Amino acid sequence: MSAARSQAASTLLLDEHFEAGDDRFVDEVLVSEAGRKLKALAPRWYADRRPFARRALLRYIDDGCDRPHHRALVKVLYKLAEQAGDDEVVGHFMVAFDRLVRRKLVKVPRYDWQTRTSRDEPCLVNDTLAPGRLSPGDVESPRFSVRTRHYLRRRAFRYFRRLGRRDAARYGRAIRAALALYRDEHLDRPERLLDAWGLLHALYWGSPVLDRLPRGVRLAEGAALADLEPAPLYPEAWQGAFEEVLGLVTAARSRTVRAFAVGLLGRAYAAELRGLPLARVRALLESPHDEVQTLAASLLRQIPGLGSLPIADWLSLLQTENAAALAFLCEAVVEHVSPARLSLAECVDLARARAAPVAELGLRWARTKPVETAAELDTIARLATAGAPRVREEAVAWLIEVLGRSPHGRAEHVRDLLDSRHEDVRARALELLEADPRFRDDTGLWAALAETPHADARAFLIRHLTARKAALAPEALRHVWAAALLAVHGGARDKRAVVRQIADRVVARPGEADALLPLLGVALRSVRPPERRAALGALARAAFRAPALRDAIARRLPELRLFEGEDAA
């Protein structure tokens, strides 16, 4: 299909989707490059009062207004909205136009004639993908020039600046609605923020940190973005607007706007913040954004009557993952909540939290509770799965201590510790198994240990296998030995011990030779010389200690010649 036919088909779909109120209309507009058709469509589109048309218009603007051959459509739509005093649409245009300028931060070499040295200085340069300027009458260029992009963003903000002179209250409502539209992905780098002309002027008009130049905003000499504090245009538009500013904290999609709103609340609405009811503070605490959670946590400490807050509410508050907020929350919990109000199970749940401050608090309170019954011992056994490593280490040490002195300690408790995915937990469990006679002589524990997938537990078993092999079935022994010999990483000492144990077992029980000799063959074929030598020595000793094994060795390991006169395989 030719380009002309494709364009004709596209214009037909534009009209068809627009008349039908089909949401695919915007998709068709975005891919269309029929500039004249789009320009002719603009007045009819803007004048259409259907919710579909309005929704489509805002969605189109939010795309960024930088599609090829859309210059005329964007200009006509903006002029119509400006003439109509359409605050909402112009607000969407301001956000989109703030994204049109994309300077890049580069390092430029500077030569100092006095010191005769060169150094690299950061510098913002214009995006080279857009033309610098267009010649008069150039209607064929697919994109806006750099000069026009600067003009469009200044013009969109000028609409709001003039609006503020006439009606500060209306300006406040309109600018807050527009500020909520900025997104973090549009301001992901410092130069992106400096390019957002409307945003910076609305929030930091009076800030000495910024130098506002016609070609763009720059940081003042020696200043940093972290030094920015709220200094909005028309401060009176932000007065008496506590609810609206608080709403901006939760509605804004940009961290920059949220931080401004939080800062403005702390400076201008401290009394109103202190009067917020607990329900609203909790809603702020549930925000996914760190700066909002931190604000809520600081407010929580100022709310009267916290001591009567139900335990379930405190536990719910402590589930937040913001580290700064948790620090405030834990302080508030210590101040207002008595450990006696929590059960042992609730303390253990806190100790198993991933956040270290919460886990430390939970463990500290759990250790104040008596552990006298079997059920209570089962409850604290769950501490072995604590998420914070430091808390888990301390918790397991306490658990091992309780298991050692409690008459309710069972082999199942030790087995669960041996099966832990955490190496530090297994290490303490192995120490307990070796030291406590109740567990050291439990054949079920040794049998369970033979099935472990963990190398450290398997190495422990191998070291004690001579004394404990009576507790293991032949199949379990073969499993342990095979797992040790087939381990890829480490375990050289354990492998040599296994080779000796297998050889001793074959001598003691010749009937198991056919099953065990292939395991020695694994070591014999190892790429590591020490393992091959250990296997060869073990086989030689076994053959001399039990001559009847020679036929089995020759049959199961035909490549090995231990005696003169044997035929090579």
Protein backbone atom coordinates (compact mmCIF):
# COMPACT_ATOMS: atom_id res chain seq x y z
CA MET A 1 0.00 0.00 0.00
CA SER A 2 1.43 3.42 -0.93
CA ALA A 3 1.97 6.20 1.61
CA ALA A 4 -0.85 8.24 0.04
CA ARG A 5 -3.34 5.40 0.36
CA SER A 6 -2.22 4.74 3.96
CA GLN A 7 -2.76 8.41 4.81
CA ALA A 8 -6.18 8.39 3.15
CA ALA A 9 -7.23 5.32 5.10
CA SER A 10 -6.05 7.01 8.30
CA THR A 11 -8.11 10.15 7.70
CA LEU A 12 -11.20 8.03 7.04
CA LEU A 13 -10.70 6.23 10.34
CA LEU A 14 -10.26 9.57 12.11
CA ASP A 15 -13.68 10.76 11.01
CA GLU A 16 -15.32 7.40 11.60
CA HIS A 17 -13.98 6.98 15.16
CA PHE A 18 -14.71 10.61 16.04
CA GLU A 19 -18.33 10.48 14.94
CA ALA A 20 -18.85 7.14 16.70
CA GLY A 21 -17.25 8.32 19.96
CA ASP A 22 -14.79 5.43 19.75
CA ASP A 23 -11.80 5.63 22.13
CA ARG A 24 -9.60 4.35 19.30
CA PHE A 25 -9.88 7.86 17.87
CA VAL A 26 -6.95 9.08 20.00
CA ASP A 27 -4.75 6.19 18.88
CA GLU A 28 -5.48 7.09 15.28
CA VAL A 29 -4.70 10.75 15.90
CA LEU A 30 -1.37 9.90 17.51
CA VAL A 31 -0.14 7.87 14.54
CA SER A 32 -1.51 10.21 11.88
CA GLU A 33 0.86 12.52 10.00
CA ALA A 34 -1.82 14.22 7.92
CA GLY A 35 -1.05 17.70 9.24
CA ARG A 36 -3.72 19.60 7.29
CA LYS A 37 -6.43 17.11 8.20
CA LEU A 38 -5.49 17.31 11.87
CA LYS A 39 -5.49 21.11 11.80
CA ALA A 40 -8.95 21.15 10.23
CA LEU A 41 -10.20 18.70 12.86
CA ALA A 42 -9.04 20.83 15.83
CA PRO A 43 -11.97 23.37 16.04
CA ARG A 44 -14.60 20.65 15.74
CA TRP A 45 -12.82 18.50 18.29
CA TYR A 46 -12.48 21.26 20.88
CA ALA A 47 -16.05 22.45 20.42
CA ASP A 48 -17.50 18.94 20.86
CA ARG A 49 -19.18 18.74 24.29
CA ARG A 50 -19.37 14.96 24.51
CA PRO A 51 -17.45 13.44 27.48
CA PHE A 52 -15.71 11.26 24.91
CA ALA A 53 -14.26 14.27 23.11
CA ARG A 54 -13.06 15.90 26.31
CA ARG A 55 -11.48 12.68 27.54
CA ALA A 56 -9.79 12.18 24.17
CA LEU A 57 -8.50 15.76 24.16
CA LEU A 58 -6.84 15.47 27.56
CA ARG A 59 -5.37 12.10 26.68
CA TYR A 60 -3.91 13.51 23.47
CA ILE A 61 -2.29 16.46 25.27
CA ASP A 62 -0.85 14.19 27.98
CA ASP A 63 1.00 12.27 25.25
CA GLY A 64 3.41 15.21 25.07
CA CYS A 65 2.39 17.25 21.98
CA ASP A 66 5.57 16.31 20.11
CA ARG A 67 4.37 13.97 17.35
CA PRO A 68 5.63 14.55 13.79
CA HIS A 69 3.43 16.91 11.73
CA HIS A 70 1.24 17.77 14.74
CA ARG A 71 2.48 21.35 15.11
CA ALA A 72 -0.64 22.92 13.63
CA LEU A 73 -3.03 20.74 15.64
CA VAL A 74 -1.27 21.57 18.92
CA LYS A 75 -1.21 25.31 18.21
CA VAL A 76 -4.89 25.49 17.26
CA LEU A 77 -6.04 23.45 20.24
CA TYR A 78 -3.97 25.53 22.64
CA LYS A 79 -5.23 28.85 21.25
CA LEU A 80 -8.83 27.67 21.49
CA ALA A 81 -8.36 26.62 25.12
CA GLU A 82 -6.60 29.87 25.97
CA GLN A 83 -9.33 31.98 24.36
CA ALA A 84 -12.01 30.01 26.20
CA GLY A 85 -10.27 30.43 29.57
CA ASP A 86 -10.19 26.67 29.93
CA ASP A 87 -8.02 26.25 33.04
CA GLU A 88 -8.05 22.46 32.92
CA VAL A 89 -6.92 22.10 29.32
CA VAL A 90 -4.28 24.84 29.61
CA GLY A 91 -3.00 23.08 32.73
CA HIS A 92 -2.54 19.87 30.75
CA PHE A 93 -0.79 21.88 28.02
CA MET A 94 1.56 23.46 30.59
CA VAL A 95 2.64 20.02 31.81
CA ALA A 96 3.12 18.79 28.23
CA PHE A 97 5.02 21.90 27.12
CA ASP A 98 7.36 21.59 30.11
CA ARG A 99 8.48 18.30 28.56
CA LEU A 100 9.21 19.79 25.12
CA VAL A 101 12.55 21.26 26.15
CA ARG A 102 15.12 18.58 26.86
CA ARG A 103 18.53 19.99 27.65
CA LYS A 104 21.44 17.69 28.34
CA LEU A 105 23.98 18.00 31.12
CA VAL A 106 27.47 17.73 29.62
CA LYS A 107 30.96 18.58 30.78
CA VAL A 108 32.69 21.39 28.89
CA PRO A 109 36.45 21.99 29.20
CA ARG A 110 37.34 25.46 30.52
CA TYR A 111 40.82 26.96 30.38
CA ASP A 112 41.97 29.24 33.18
CA TRP A 113 44.51 31.70 31.75
CA GLN A 114 45.69 32.74 35.17
CA THR A 115 46.52 29.26 36.46
CA ARG A 116 47.15 27.84 32.97
CA THR A 117 45.05 24.77 33.78
CA SER A 118 41.96 23.18 32.27
CA ARG A 119 39.00 21.73 34.08
CA ASP A 120 35.64 20.27 33.12
CA GLU A 121 32.57 22.27 34.09
CA PRO A 122 28.96 21.00 33.90
CA CYS A 123 26.89 22.77 31.30
CA LEU A 124 23.32 22.42 29.99
CA VAL A 125 23.04 22.30 26.18
CA ASN A 126 19.97 22.13 23.96
CA ASP A 127 18.72 18.86 22.49
CA THR A 128 20.16 18.50 19.00
CA LEU A 129 17.25 16.35 17.78
CA ALA A 130 15.03 19.41 17.36
CA PRO A 131 15.84 22.20 14.86
CA GLY A 132 17.19 25.37 16.45
CA ARG A 133 14.74 27.67 14.61
CA LEU A 134 12.55 27.55 11.53
CA SER A 135 12.61 30.00 8.66
CA PRO A 136 9.51 32.21 8.20
CA GLY A 137 6.75 30.37 6.37
CA ASP A 138 8.21 26.93 7.02
CA VAL A 139 5.08 24.80 7.44
CA GLU A 140 6.61 21.51 6.38
CA SER A 141 8.93 20.91 9.33
CA PRO A 142 7.58 17.90 11.25
CA ARG A 143 8.51 19.16 14.74
CA PHE A 144 8.67 22.34 16.77
CA SER A 145 11.96 24.21 16.76
CA VAL A 146 13.89 24.72 19.99
CA ARG A 147 12.94 28.39 19.94
CA THR A 148 9.23 27.58 19.65
CA ARG A 149 9.46 25.02 22.46
CA HIS A 150 10.84 27.65 24.81
CA TYR A 151 8.08 30.02 23.74
CA LEU A 152 5.28 27.49 24.24
CA ARG A 153 6.23 26.64 27.80
CA ARG A 154 6.55 30.35 28.69
CA ARG A 155 3.19 31.11 27.09
CA ALA A 156 1.38 28.33 28.95
CA PHE A 157 2.68 29.55 32.30
CA ARG A 158 1.92 33.17 31.34
CA TYR A 159 -1.75 32.16 31.17
CA PHE A 160 -1.63 31.17 34.84
CA ARG A 161 0.43 34.19 35.83
CA ARG A 162 -2.19 36.52 34.33
CA LEU A 163 -4.95 34.47 35.91
CA GLY A 164 -3.36 34.93 39.34
CA ARG A 165 -3.34 38.71 38.93
CA ARG A 166 -7.10 38.72 38.28
CA ASP A 167 -8.30 35.96 40.63
CA ALA A 168 -5.88 34.45 43.12
CA ALA A 169 -8.41 31.86 44.39
CA ARG A 170 -9.15 30.58 40.89
CA TYR A 171 -5.43 30.53 40.13
CA GLY A 172 -4.82 28.43 43.24
CA ARG A 173 -7.40 25.84 42.24
CA ALA A 174 -6.19 25.69 38.64
CA ILE A 175 -2.47 25.51 39.42
CA ARG A 176 -2.94 22.78 42.03
CA ALA A 177 -4.90 20.70 39.52
CA ALA A 178 -2.10 21.14 36.98
CA LEU A 179 0.67 20.36 39.49
CA ALA A 180 -0.94 17.01 40.28
CA LEU A 181 -0.36 15.96 36.64
CA TYR A 182 3.44 16.03 36.71
CA ARG A 183 4.90 12.54 36.89
CA ASP A 184 8.15 11.20 38.33
CA GLU A 185 9.22 9.68 35.02
CA HIS A 186 9.11 13.17 33.46
CA LEU A 187 11.39 14.60 36.18
CA ASP A 188 13.80 11.70 36.63
CA ARG A 189 17.00 13.77 36.30
CA PRO A 190 18.05 17.21 37.63
CA GLU A 191 18.12 18.72 34.13
CA ARG A 192 14.54 17.51 33.55
CA LEU A 193 13.41 19.39 36.63
CA LEU A 194 15.24 22.54 35.56
CA ASP A 195 13.55 22.31 32.15
CA ALA A 196 10.06 22.25 33.74
CA TRP A 197 9.53 26.01 33.39
CA GLY A 198 5.93 26.14 34.58
CA LEU A 199 6.51 23.78 37.49
CA LEU A 200 9.54 25.63 38.87
CA HIS A 201 7.90 29.04 38.56
CA ALA A 202 4.70 27.86 40.21
CA LEU A 203 6.52 26.29 43.17
CA TYR A 204 9.74 28.28 43.55
CA TRP A 205 9.09 31.70 41.99
CA GLY A 206 10.78 33.55 44.87
CA SER A 207 13.59 31.08 45.53
CA PRO A 208 17.14 32.49 45.49
CA VAL A 209 18.41 29.02 44.54
CA LEU A 210 17.27 29.44 40.93
CA ASP A 211 18.33 31.86 38.19
CA ARG A 212 15.44 32.29 35.74
CA LEU A 213 16.86 33.11 32.30
CA PRO A 214 14.91 33.41 29.01
CA ARG A 215 16.55 30.28 27.64
CA GLY A 216 16.04 28.20 30.75
CA VAL A 217 16.34 27.94 34.51
CA ARG A 218 19.75 27.40 36.07
CA LEU A 219 21.00 26.87 39.59
CA ALA A 220 22.47 29.94 41.23
CA GLU A 221 26.20 29.92 41.86
CA GLY A 222 27.01 27.54 44.71
CA ALA A 223 23.39 26.37 45.10
CA ALA A 224 21.93 22.86 44.90
CA LEU A 225 18.45 21.50 44.22
CA ALA A 226 18.38 20.16 47.78
CA ASP A 227 18.36 23.80 48.97
CA LEU A 228 14.97 24.51 47.39
CA GLU A 229 12.23 25.56 49.81
CA PRO A 230 8.62 26.45 48.96
CA ALA A 231 8.44 29.95 47.47
CA PRO A 232 5.33 29.87 45.25
CA LEU A 233 4.06 32.51 42.88
CA TYR A 234 1.11 34.36 44.45
CA PRO A 235 1.50 33.12 48.04
CA GLU A 236 -2.01 34.37 48.80
CA ALA A 237 -3.36 31.64 46.51
CA TRP A 238 -1.93 29.08 48.94
CA GLN A 239 -3.34 30.68 52.07
CA GLY A 240 -6.45 29.24 53.68
CA ALA A 241 -6.12 26.17 51.45
CA PHE A 242 -5.08 23.53 53.96
CA GLU A 243 -7.38 20.83 52.60
CA GLU A 244 -6.33 21.51 49.03
CA VAL A 245 -2.61 21.40 49.86
CA LEU A 246 -3.10 18.23 51.90
CA GLY A 247 -4.98 16.76 48.96
CA LEU A 248 -2.02 17.61 46.72
CA VAL A 249 0.23 15.60 49.03
CA THR A 250 -1.77 12.44 48.28
CA ALA A 251 -2.82 13.19 44.68
CA ALA A 252 0.50 14.39 43.21
CA ARG A 253 2.26 11.89 40.95
CA SER A 254 5.63 13.63 41.27
CA ARG A 255 7.97 13.55 44.25
CA THR A 256 8.90 17.17 43.53
CA VAL A 257 5.30 18.34 43.97
CA ARG A 258 4.73 16.15 47.02
CA ALA A 259 7.89 17.47 48.70
CA PHE A 260 6.76 21.05 48.01
CA ALA A 261 3.32 20.39 49.48
CA VAL A 262 4.78 18.67 52.56
CA GLY A 263 7.18 21.57 53.08
CA LEU A 264 4.40 24.14 52.69
CA LEU A 265 2.20 22.29 55.18
CA GLY A 266 4.95 22.22 57.78
CA ARG A 267 5.64 25.92 57.37
CA ALA A 268 2.18 27.42 56.93
CA TYR A 269 -0.23 24.88 58.42
CA ALA A 270 1.51 23.44 61.48
CA ALA A 271 -1.54 24.01 63.70
CA GLU A 272 -3.92 22.38 61.23
CA LEU A 273 -1.61 19.37 60.93
CA ARG A 274 -1.59 18.89 64.70
CA GLY A 275 -5.37 18.83 64.66
CA LEU A 276 -5.69 16.03 62.11
CA PRO A 277 -7.66 13.06 63.48
CA LEU A 278 -6.00 9.67 63.74
CA ALA A 279 -7.97 8.22 60.83
CA ARG A 280 -6.54 10.78 58.42
CA VAL A 281 -3.02 10.36 59.74
CA ARG A 282 -3.33 6.61 59.23
CA ALA A 283 -4.45 7.20 55.65
CA LEU A 284 -1.31 9.27 55.07
CA LEU A 285 0.81 6.57 56.65
CA GLU A 286 -0.54 4.04 54.14
CA SER A 287 0.74 6.15 51.23
CA PRO A 288 3.26 4.36 48.98
CA HIS A 289 5.50 7.46 49.04
CA ASP A 290 8.29 7.84 51.62
CA GLU A 291 7.92 11.58 52.17
CA VAL A 292 4.20 11.22 52.93
CA GLN A 293 4.78 8.32 55.33
CA THR A 294 7.47 10.31 57.13
CA LEU A 295 5.10 13.25 57.53
CA ALA A 296 2.39 10.96 58.90
CA ALA A 297 4.74 9.29 61.36
CA SER A 298 5.84 12.65 62.75
CA LEU A 299 2.18 13.69 63.13
CA LEU A 300 1.30 10.45 64.87
CA ARG A 301 3.39 11.36 67.91
CA GLN A 302 1.41 14.58 68.38
CA ILE A 303 -2.07 13.05 68.41
CA PRO A 304 -3.67 13.01 71.90
CA GLY A 305 -5.11 9.78 73.27
CA LEU A 306 -2.71 7.44 71.51
CA GLY A 307 -2.48 5.30 74.64
CA SER A 308 -6.05 4.09 74.10
CA LEU A 309 -5.44 3.05 70.49
CA PRO A 310 -6.32 -0.67 70.05
CA ILE A 311 -3.40 -3.06 69.71
CA ALA A 312 -4.68 -4.21 66.32
CA ASP A 313 -4.31 -0.63 65.06
CA TRP A 314 -0.76 -0.36 66.37
CA LEU A 315 0.17 -3.66 64.71
CA SER A 316 -1.34 -2.42 61.46
CA LEU A 317 0.67 0.82 61.66
CA LEU A 318 3.91 -1.09 62.19
CA GLN A 319 3.50 -2.90 58.86
CA THR A 320 4.70 0.13 56.90
CA GLU A 321 8.04 -0.40 55.13
CA ASN A 322 9.33 3.18 55.28
CA ALA A 323 12.43 3.18 57.49
CA ALA A 324 12.14 6.81 58.58
CA ALA A 325 8.46 6.40 59.42
CA LEU A 326 9.16 3.21 61.38
CA ALA A 327 11.68 5.01 63.58
CA PHE A 328 8.98 7.48 64.65
CA LEU A 329 6.41 4.71 65.01
CA CYS A 330 8.57 2.53 67.22
CA GLU A 331 9.26 5.48 69.50
CA ALA A 332 5.51 6.15 69.71
CA VAL A 333 4.79 2.49 70.43
CA VAL A 334 7.36 2.36 73.24
CA GLU A 335 5.90 5.54 74.71
CA HIS A 336 2.22 4.64 74.51
CA VAL A 337 1.97 0.84 74.53
CA SER A 338 2.73 -1.47 77.44
CA PRO A 339 4.18 -4.90 76.54
CA ALA A 340 1.55 -6.43 78.82
CA ARG A 341 -1.11 -5.50 76.25
CA LEU A 342 0.43 -7.84 73.67
CA SER A 343 0.32 -11.61 73.70
CA LEU A 344 3.42 -13.73 73.18
CA ALA A 345 2.22 -14.61 69.68
CA GLU A 346 1.82 -10.91 68.76
CA CYS A 347 5.32 -10.15 70.05
CA VAL A 348 6.72 -13.02 67.97
CA ASP A 349 4.91 -11.71 64.90
CA LEU A 350 6.58 -8.33 65.41
CA ALA A 351 9.96 -9.99 65.89
CA ARG A 352 9.56 -11.75 62.52
CA ALA A 353 9.03 -8.45 60.67
CA ARG A 354 11.51 -7.60 57.94
CA ALA A 355 12.11 -4.10 59.31
CA ALA A 356 14.85 -4.24 61.96
CA PRO A 357 13.38 -1.57 64.32
CA VAL A 358 10.07 -3.41 64.53
CA ALA A 359 11.73 -6.81 64.86
CA GLU A 360 14.01 -5.60 67.67
CA LEU A 361 11.02 -4.21 69.54
CA GLY A 362 9.05 -7.43 69.12
CA LEU A 363 11.92 -9.63 70.33
CA ARG A 364 12.57 -7.39 73.33
CA TRP A 365 8.93 -7.68 74.37
CA ALA A 366 8.77 -11.42 73.62
CA ARG A 367 11.63 -12.07 76.00
CA THR A 368 9.63 -10.48 78.83
CA LYS A 369 6.95 -13.16 78.47
CA PRO A 370 7.07 -16.49 80.32
CA VAL A 371 7.58 -19.61 78.19
CA GLU A 372 6.29 -22.44 80.34
CA THR A 373 3.94 -24.53 78.23
CA ALA A 374 4.42 -26.61 75.10
CA ALA A 375 2.19 -24.21 73.17
CA GLU A 376 4.31 -21.23 74.22
CA LEU A 377 7.46 -23.07 73.17
CA ASP A 378 5.90 -23.79 69.77
CA THR A 379 5.11 -20.08 69.47
CA ILE A 380 8.67 -18.85 70.02
CA ALA A 381 9.99 -21.58 67.70
CA ARG A 382 8.68 -19.40 64.86
CA LEU A 383 11.46 -16.91 65.66
CA ALA A 384 13.81 -19.05 63.56
CA THR A 385 12.19 -17.51 60.48
CA ALA A 386 12.77 -13.88 61.56
CA GLY A 387 13.53 -11.67 58.57
CA ALA A 388 16.05 -9.27 60.14
CA PRO A 389 19.43 -11.11 60.34
CA ARG A 390 20.65 -9.47 63.55
CA VAL A 391 17.32 -10.06 65.29
CA ARG A 392 17.21 -13.65 64.03
CA GLU A 393 20.66 -14.34 65.47
CA GLU A 394 19.64 -13.07 68.89
CA ALA A 395 16.23 -14.76 68.72
CA VAL A 396 17.65 -18.18 67.84
CA ALA A 397 20.19 -17.93 70.66
CA TRP A 398 17.29 -17.33 73.06
CA LEU A 399 15.28 -20.14 71.50
CA ILE A 400 18.18 -22.59 71.86
CA GLU A 401 18.54 -21.56 75.50
CA VAL A 402 14.83 -22.17 76.16
CA LEU A 403 14.91 -25.52 74.34
CA GLY A 404 17.85 -26.62 76.44
CA ARG A 405 16.07 -26.08 79.74
CA SER A 406 12.41 -26.65 78.84
CA PRO A 407 10.87 -30.08 79.54
CA HIS A 408 8.67 -29.50 76.49
CA GLY A 409 11.57 -29.41 74.03
CA ARG A 410 11.05 -32.01 71.32
CA ALA A 411 13.12 -33.42 68.51
CA GLU A 412 10.71 -31.78 66.06
CA HIS A 413 11.89 -28.36 67.25
CA VAL A 414 15.50 -29.25 66.50
CA ARG A 415 14.59 -30.81 63.17
CA ASP A 416 12.83 -27.62 62.08
CA LEU A 417 15.94 -25.63 62.96
CA LEU A 418 18.12 -28.08 61.02
CA ASP A 419 15.88 -27.59 57.99
CA SER A 420 16.14 -23.79 58.14
CA ARG A 421 17.23 -21.99 55.00
CA HIS A 422 19.44 -19.74 57.13
CA GLU A 423 22.98 -21.04 57.75
CA ASP A 424 23.28 -19.26 61.11
CA VAL A 425 20.15 -21.03 62.38
CA ARG A 426 21.42 -24.43 61.24
CA ALA A 427 24.77 -23.83 62.93
CA ARG A 428 23.11 -23.22 66.31
CA ALA A 429 20.89 -26.26 65.83
CA LEU A 430 23.87 -28.48 65.09
CA GLU A 431 25.56 -27.24 68.26
CA LEU A 432 22.44 -28.13 70.24
CA LEU A 433 22.24 -31.56 68.61
CA GLU A 434 25.82 -32.31 69.59
CA ALA A 435 25.62 -30.95 73.14
CA ASP A 436 22.19 -32.02 74.45
CA PRO A 437 21.87 -35.76 75.28
CA ARG A 438 18.11 -35.65 74.67
CA PHE A 439 18.66 -34.86 71.02
CA ARG A 440 22.13 -36.37 70.49
CA ASP A 441 20.77 -39.89 70.99
CA ASP A 442 17.58 -39.39 68.98
CA THR A 443 17.83 -41.73 65.98
CA GLY A 444 15.02 -39.92 64.22
CA LEU A 445 17.03 -36.69 64.11
CA TRP A 446 20.05 -38.42 62.60
CA ALA A 447 17.84 -40.15 60.06
CA ALA A 448 16.24 -36.82 59.15
CA LEU A 449 19.68 -35.25 58.87
CA ALA A 450 20.57 -37.78 56.19
CA GLU A 451 17.99 -36.16 53.90
CA THR A 452 19.26 -32.59 54.31
CA PRO A 453 19.92 -30.57 51.14
CA HIS A 454 22.35 -28.30 53.02
CA ALA A 455 26.09 -28.91 52.67
CA ASP A 456 26.95 -27.72 56.18
CA ALA A 457 24.49 -30.12 57.82
CA ARG A 458 25.66 -32.95 55.57
CA ALA A 459 29.31 -32.28 56.52
CA PHE A 460 28.32 -32.43 60.20
CA LEU A 461 26.64 -35.78 59.65
CA ILE A 462 29.67 -37.18 57.82
CA ARG A 463 31.94 -36.24 60.72
CA HIS A 464 29.67 -38.16 63.13
CA LEU A 465 28.74 -40.96 60.77
CA THR A 466 31.01 -43.58 62.30
CA ALA A 467 29.22 -43.31 65.63
CA ARG A 468 25.72 -42.77 64.21
CA LYS A 469 25.56 -45.01 61.14
CA ALA A 470 23.56 -47.62 63.08
CA ALA A 471 20.68 -45.15 63.11
CA LEU A 472 20.63 -44.92 59.30
CA ALA A 473 19.29 -47.37 56.74
CA PRO A 474 21.66 -48.44 53.95
CA GLU A 475 19.69 -46.33 51.46
CA ALA A 476 20.10 -43.24 53.66
CA LEU A 477 23.84 -43.86 53.97
CA ARG A 478 24.23 -44.14 50.22
CA HIS A 479 22.25 -40.93 49.75
CA VAL A 480 24.51 -39.00 52.14
CA TRP A 481 27.70 -40.37 50.61
CA ALA A 482 26.55 -39.77 47.04
CA ALA A 483 25.49 -36.20 47.81
CA ALA A 484 28.87 -35.47 49.39
CA LEU A 485 30.88 -36.96 46.53
CA LEU A 486 28.83 -35.23 43.84
CA ALA A 487 29.04 -31.79 45.47
CA VAL A 488 30.69 -29.42 43.01
CA HIS A 489 31.97 -26.77 45.41
CA GLY A 490 34.26 -27.38 48.39
CA GLY A 491 34.06 -30.30 50.79
CA ALA A 492 37.45 -31.85 49.94
CA ARG A 493 38.03 -33.02 53.51
CA ASP A 494 34.51 -34.43 53.75
CA LYS A 495 34.96 -36.29 50.47
CA ARG A 496 38.10 -37.99 51.71
CA ALA A 497 36.28 -39.01 54.88
CA VAL A 498 33.40 -40.38 52.81
CA VAL A 499 35.78 -42.45 50.68
CA ARG A 500 37.23 -44.05 53.80
CA GLN A 501 33.75 -44.68 55.26
CA ILE A 502 32.56 -46.37 52.07
CA ALA A 503 35.61 -48.59 51.94
CA ASP A 504 35.14 -49.60 55.58
CA ARG A 505 31.46 -50.34 54.92
CA VAL A 506 32.26 -52.52 51.92
CA VAL A 507 34.78 -54.52 53.96
CA ALA A 508 32.30 -54.92 56.82
CA ARG A 509 29.36 -55.74 54.55
CA PRO A 510 30.51 -57.29 51.27
CA GLY A 511 26.89 -57.74 50.25
CA GLU A 512 26.59 -53.98 49.68
CA ALA A 513 29.67 -53.84 47.44
CA ASP A 514 27.75 -53.69 44.15
CA ALA A 515 25.79 -50.67 45.43
CA LEU A 516 28.70 -48.80 47.03
CA LEU A 517 31.63 -49.41 44.68
CA PRO A 518 30.19 -47.10 41.94
CA LEU A 519 30.37 -44.30 44.52
CA LEU A 520 34.09 -44.90 44.89
CA GLY A 521 34.24 -44.81 41.10
CA VAL A 522 32.87 -41.25 41.23
CA ALA A 523 35.81 -40.17 43.41
CA LEU A 524 38.24 -42.20 41.28
CA ARG A 525 37.22 -40.23 38.19
CA SER A 526 37.42 -36.82 39.93
CA VAL A 527 39.33 -34.03 38.22
CA ARG A 528 41.00 -33.30 41.58
CA PRO A 529 44.14 -35.41 42.15
CA PRO A 530 43.76 -35.57 45.98
CA GLU A 531 40.30 -37.12 45.60
CA ARG A 532 41.55 -39.66 43.05
CA ARG A 533 44.44 -40.64 45.28
CA ALA A 534 42.13 -41.02 48.29
CA ALA A 535 39.76 -43.25 46.31
CA LEU A 536 42.58 -45.36 44.93
CA GLY A 537 44.08 -45.84 48.39
CA ALA A 538 40.71 -46.78 49.89
CA LEU A 539 40.05 -49.35 47.17
CA ALA A 540 43.51 -50.86 47.59
CA ARG A 541 43.07 -51.18 51.36
CA ALA A 542 39.63 -52.73 50.94
CA ALA A 543 40.95 -55.26 48.41
CA PHE A 544 43.81 -56.32 50.66
CA ARG A 545 41.62 -56.48 53.79
CA ALA A 546 38.91 -58.48 52.04
CA PRO A 547 40.31 -60.41 49.04
CA ALA A 548 36.78 -61.62 48.21
CA LEU A 549 36.01 -58.06 47.08
CA ARG A 550 38.47 -58.23 44.18
CA ASP A 551 35.96 -59.78 41.81
CA ALA A 552 33.37 -57.14 42.68
CA ILE A 553 35.94 -54.37 42.19
CA ALA A 554 36.96 -55.76 38.80
CA ARG A 555 33.31 -56.08 37.78
CA ARG A 556 32.09 -52.65 38.97
CA LEU A 557 35.30 -50.72 38.13
CA PRO A 558 36.67 -52.51 35.03
CA GLU A 559 39.01 -49.62 34.16
CA LEU A 560 40.95 -50.12 37.40
CA ARG A 561 43.87 -52.59 37.57
CA LEU A 562 45.02 -53.19 41.15
CA PHE A 563 46.79 -56.53 40.68
CA GLU A 564 49.30 -57.88 38.22
CA GLY A 565 47.93 -60.20 35.63
CA GLU A 566 44.52 -58.50 35.41
CA ASP A 567 43.33 -57.76 31.90
CA ALA A 568 42.72 -54.11 31.05
CA ALA A 569 39.15 -53.26 30.26
